[in-house]
Amino acid sequence: MNLFRISTLAGILLLCGCQAPTPDQTRQQPPLFQGQSLRTAPQLSDCISRGWSATQVVAQDTTTHTQPDGDQISVFTWEDSIFADVSPQRKGADVKFFTTFRMAPQVIADREGIVKRCL
């Protein structure tokens, strides 16, 4: 059963990956969620990364990674199709949550829920 889920998810990601916009293109659209935290940008991005790495929605995802870009830190998962941009602010950090394509609501809700818990 678990193998079926993994193969189904892999197939969906492959099909959508061919047509999905890049993260840079996705950033041109409004985020699915935006929030502020009193945590620093490194603390917030670390919390999101650990949360995404430690939880499983459909299958375990081993692609979670962070990518610094100046002061901003982006956290990516599911082959960069889900990501959060974390930027330092005067008091804490700002986060913007994106997906590069429409996916199952439970996947979005789970990943967004982790971002919200880290605030």
Protein backbone atom coordinates (compact mmCIF):
# COMPACT_ATOMS: atom_id res chain seq x y z
CA MET A 1 0.00 0.00 0.00
CA ASN A 2 2.79 2.42 0.91
CA LEU A 3 4.64 1.55 -2.31
CA PHE A 4 1.47 2.40 -4.25
CA ARG A 5 1.30 5.81 -2.56
CA ILE A 6 4.94 6.54 -3.29
CA SER A 7 4.68 5.52 -6.94
CA THR A 8 1.46 7.50 -7.37
CA LEU A 9 3.02 10.61 -5.84
CA ALA A 10 6.15 10.20 -7.95
CA GLY A 11 4.02 9.92 -11.09
CA ILE A 12 2.03 13.01 -10.21
CA LEU A 13 5.17 15.00 -9.44
CA LEU A 14 6.75 13.93 -12.72
CA LEU A 15 3.69 14.91 -14.73
CA CYS A 16 3.25 18.20 -12.95
CA GLY A 17 6.96 18.93 -12.87
CA CYS A 18 7.03 19.20 -16.65
CA GLN A 19 4.40 21.94 -16.60
CA ALA A 20 4.92 23.54 -13.21
CA PRO A 21 6.39 27.02 -13.00
CA THR A 22 9.75 27.52 -11.35
CA PRO A 23 10.00 28.94 -7.82
CA ASP A 24 11.05 32.31 -9.30
CA GLN A 25 7.95 32.35 -11.52
CA THR A 26 5.78 31.31 -8.58
CA ARG A 27 7.08 34.22 -6.49
CA GLN A 28 5.43 36.57 -9.02
CA GLN A 29 2.04 35.42 -7.64
CA PRO A 30 0.63 36.09 -4.15
CA PRO A 31 1.75 33.54 -1.53
CA LEU A 32 -0.72 30.95 -0.24
CA PHE A 33 0.14 32.13 3.27
CA GLN A 34 2.14 35.01 4.70
CA GLY A 35 2.98 35.54 8.36
CA GLN A 36 5.32 37.19 10.82
CA SER A 37 7.31 35.75 13.70
CA LEU A 38 9.36 37.08 16.57
CA ARG A 39 11.96 34.39 15.75
CA THR A 40 15.00 35.34 13.70
CA ALA A 41 15.11 34.29 10.05
CA PRO A 42 17.60 31.45 10.77
CA GLN A 43 15.50 30.20 13.69
CA LEU A 44 12.27 30.28 11.67
CA SER A 45 13.76 28.62 8.58
CA ASP A 46 15.37 25.93 10.76
CA CYS A 47 12.03 25.20 12.45
CA ILE A 48 10.25 24.89 9.08
CA SER A 49 13.01 22.68 7.66
CA ARG A 50 13.01 20.36 10.68
CA GLY A 51 9.21 20.17 10.64
CA TRP A 52 9.02 19.34 6.95
CA SER A 53 11.84 16.80 7.25
CA ALA A 54 10.35 15.02 10.26
CA THR A 55 6.74 14.62 9.09
CA GLN A 56 5.18 12.53 6.38
CA VAL A 57 2.08 13.42 4.35
CA VAL A 58 1.84 10.84 1.58
CA ALA A 59 5.39 9.49 1.74
CA GLN A 60 8.63 10.44 3.45
CA ASP A 61 10.29 13.31 1.59
CA THR A 62 14.08 13.48 1.64
CA THR A 63 14.36 16.56 -0.58
CA THR A 64 13.91 19.22 2.12
CA HIS A 65 16.77 21.74 2.05
CA THR A 66 17.49 25.40 2.74
CA GLN A 67 18.99 27.88 0.34
CA PRO A 68 20.32 31.23 1.61
CA ASP A 69 20.12 34.22 -0.74
CA GLY A 70 21.53 37.30 0.95
CA ASP A 71 19.48 37.86 4.10
CA GLN A 72 16.61 35.70 2.85
CA ILE A 73 16.53 31.95 3.49
CA SER A 74 14.31 29.72 1.36
CA VAL A 75 13.21 26.31 2.59
CA PHE A 76 12.27 23.84 -0.16
CA THR A 77 10.58 20.43 -0.11
CA TRP A 78 8.96 17.99 -2.56
CA GLU A 79 11.58 18.61 -5.24
CA ASP A 80 11.28 22.39 -4.79
CA SER A 81 7.52 22.35 -5.54
CA ILE A 82 6.68 23.57 -2.01
CA PHE A 83 8.74 26.34 -0.46
CA ALA A 84 8.82 29.09 2.14
CA ASP A 85 10.80 32.31 1.82
CA VAL A 86 11.95 33.63 5.20
CA SER A 87 13.16 37.24 5.38
CA PRO A 88 14.52 39.11 8.40
CA GLN A 89 12.44 42.03 9.67
CA ARG A 90 13.11 44.70 12.25
CA LYS A 91 11.66 42.49 15.00
CA GLY A 92 11.78 38.87 13.88
CA ALA A 93 11.10 37.44 10.45
CA ASP A 94 8.51 37.35 7.67
CA VAL A 95 7.56 34.12 5.88
CA LYS A 96 5.82 33.56 2.55
CA PHE A 97 4.57 30.06 1.71
CA PHE A 98 4.21 28.93 -1.94
CA THR A 99 3.53 25.88 -4.09
CA THR A 100 4.51 25.72 -7.75
CA PHE A 101 1.33 23.82 -8.72
CA ARG A 102 -2.03 22.82 -7.27
CA MET A 103 -1.66 19.69 -5.21
CA ALA A 104 -3.77 17.65 -2.82
CA PRO A 105 -5.36 19.88 -0.16
CA GLN A 106 -4.06 17.65 2.66
CA VAL A 107 -0.48 18.12 1.44
CA ILE A 108 -0.82 21.91 1.33
CA ALA A 109 -2.60 21.98 4.70
CA ASP A 110 0.10 19.85 6.35
CA ARG A 111 3.05 21.86 5.02
CA GLU A 112 1.31 25.20 5.72
CA GLY A 113 0.37 24.01 9.20
CA ILE A 114 4.03 23.39 10.01
CA VAL A 115 4.92 26.89 8.84
CA LYS A 116 2.18 28.37 11.06
CA ARG A 117 3.29 26.32 14.09
CA CYS A 118 6.83 27.63 13.68
CA LEU A 119 5.70 31.25 13.92
